[in-house]
């Protein structure tokens, strides 16, 4: 399921300015699709951040101190 190549391609597309150019030159439908895609991407990034934090600190000393119970 993990596809680092796609992430690299997506990063390049955004960093190169091509996404902004596609938006500027796009039809209303294309602009809407780009904005929807970016909104979904930001939602996924937020979920990834939450998940990374959870797995990094799972079974950690901080979790023990906070009284959080382990789910198994």
Protein backbone atom coordinates (compact mmCIF):
# COMPACT_ATOMS: atom_id res chain seq x y z
CA UNK A 1 0.00 0.00 0.00
CA UNK A 2 2.91 2.38 0.60
CA UNK A 3 4.06 4.09 -2.57
CA UNK A 4 6.96 6.48 -1.98
CA UNK A 5 7.37 7.00 -5.74
CA UNK A 6 3.88 8.52 -5.96
CA UNK A 7 4.65 10.84 -3.06
CA UNK A 8 7.86 11.94 -4.76
CA UNK A 9 5.96 12.58 -8.00
CA UNK A 10 3.31 14.55 -6.15
CA UNK A 11 5.93 16.58 -4.29
CA UNK A 12 7.69 17.42 -7.56
CA UNK A 13 4.37 18.41 -9.17
CA UNK A 14 3.65 20.83 -6.33
CA UNK A 15 7.19 22.17 -5.84
CA UNK A 16 7.72 22.75 -9.56
CA UNK A 17 4.77 25.13 -9.72
CA UNK A 18 2.99 22.90 -12.25
CA UNK A 19 0.00 22.47 -9.94
CA UNK A 20 -0.39 26.24 -9.66
CA UNK A 21 -0.02 26.62 -13.40
CA UNK A 22 -2.61 23.91 -14.03
CA UNK A 23 -4.94 25.72 -11.64
CA UNK A 24 -4.37 29.11 -13.28
CA UNK A 25 -4.91 27.71 -16.79
CA UNK A 26 -7.71 25.32 -15.88
CA UNK A 27 -11.42 25.43 -16.44
CA UNK A 28 -13.75 25.96 -13.50
CA UNK A 29 -14.18 22.18 -13.25
CA UNK A 30 -10.41 21.63 -13.27
CA UNK A 31 -9.92 24.29 -10.59
CA UNK A 32 -12.62 22.69 -8.45
CA UNK A 33 -10.99 19.26 -8.89
CA UNK A 34 -7.57 20.64 -7.89
CA UNK A 35 -9.00 22.32 -4.77
CA UNK A 36 -10.87 19.14 -3.82
CA UNK A 37 -7.68 17.11 -4.30
CA UNK A 38 -5.66 19.52 -2.14
CA UNK A 39 -8.32 19.46 0.58
CA UNK A 40 -8.25 15.66 0.63
CA UNK A 41 -4.44 15.69 0.61
CA UNK A 42 -4.41 17.99 3.65
CA UNK A 43 -6.90 15.73 5.44
CA UNK A 44 -4.67 12.71 4.73
CA UNK A 45 -1.58 14.63 5.89
CA UNK A 46 -3.32 15.50 9.17
CA UNK A 47 -4.28 11.86 9.64
CA UNK A 48 -0.70 10.80 8.87
CA UNK A 49 0.62 13.25 11.47
CA UNK A 50 -1.79 11.94 14.11
CA UNK A 51 -0.93 8.34 13.28
CA UNK A 52 2.82 8.99 13.30
CA UNK A 53 2.55 10.65 16.69
CA UNK A 54 0.52 7.75 18.04
CA UNK A 55 2.89 5.04 16.79
CA UNK A 56 6.01 6.94 17.81
CA UNK A 57 4.78 7.41 21.35
CA UNK A 58 2.95 4.08 21.72
CA UNK A 59 4.27 2.20 24.73
CA UNK A 60 6.43 5.21 25.54
CA UNK A 61 7.22 6.65 28.92
CA UNK A 62 5.00 9.65 28.16
CA UNK A 63 2.05 7.35 27.57
CA UNK A 64 2.75 5.54 30.84
CA UNK A 65 2.92 8.81 32.75
CA UNK A 66 -0.29 10.08 31.18
CA UNK A 67 -2.21 7.01 32.33
CA UNK A 68 -3.26 6.05 28.82
CA UNK A 69 -4.14 2.39 28.64
CA UNK A 70 -2.75 0.23 25.86
CA UNK A 71 -5.22 -1.11 23.34
CA UNK A 72 -4.52 -4.62 22.13
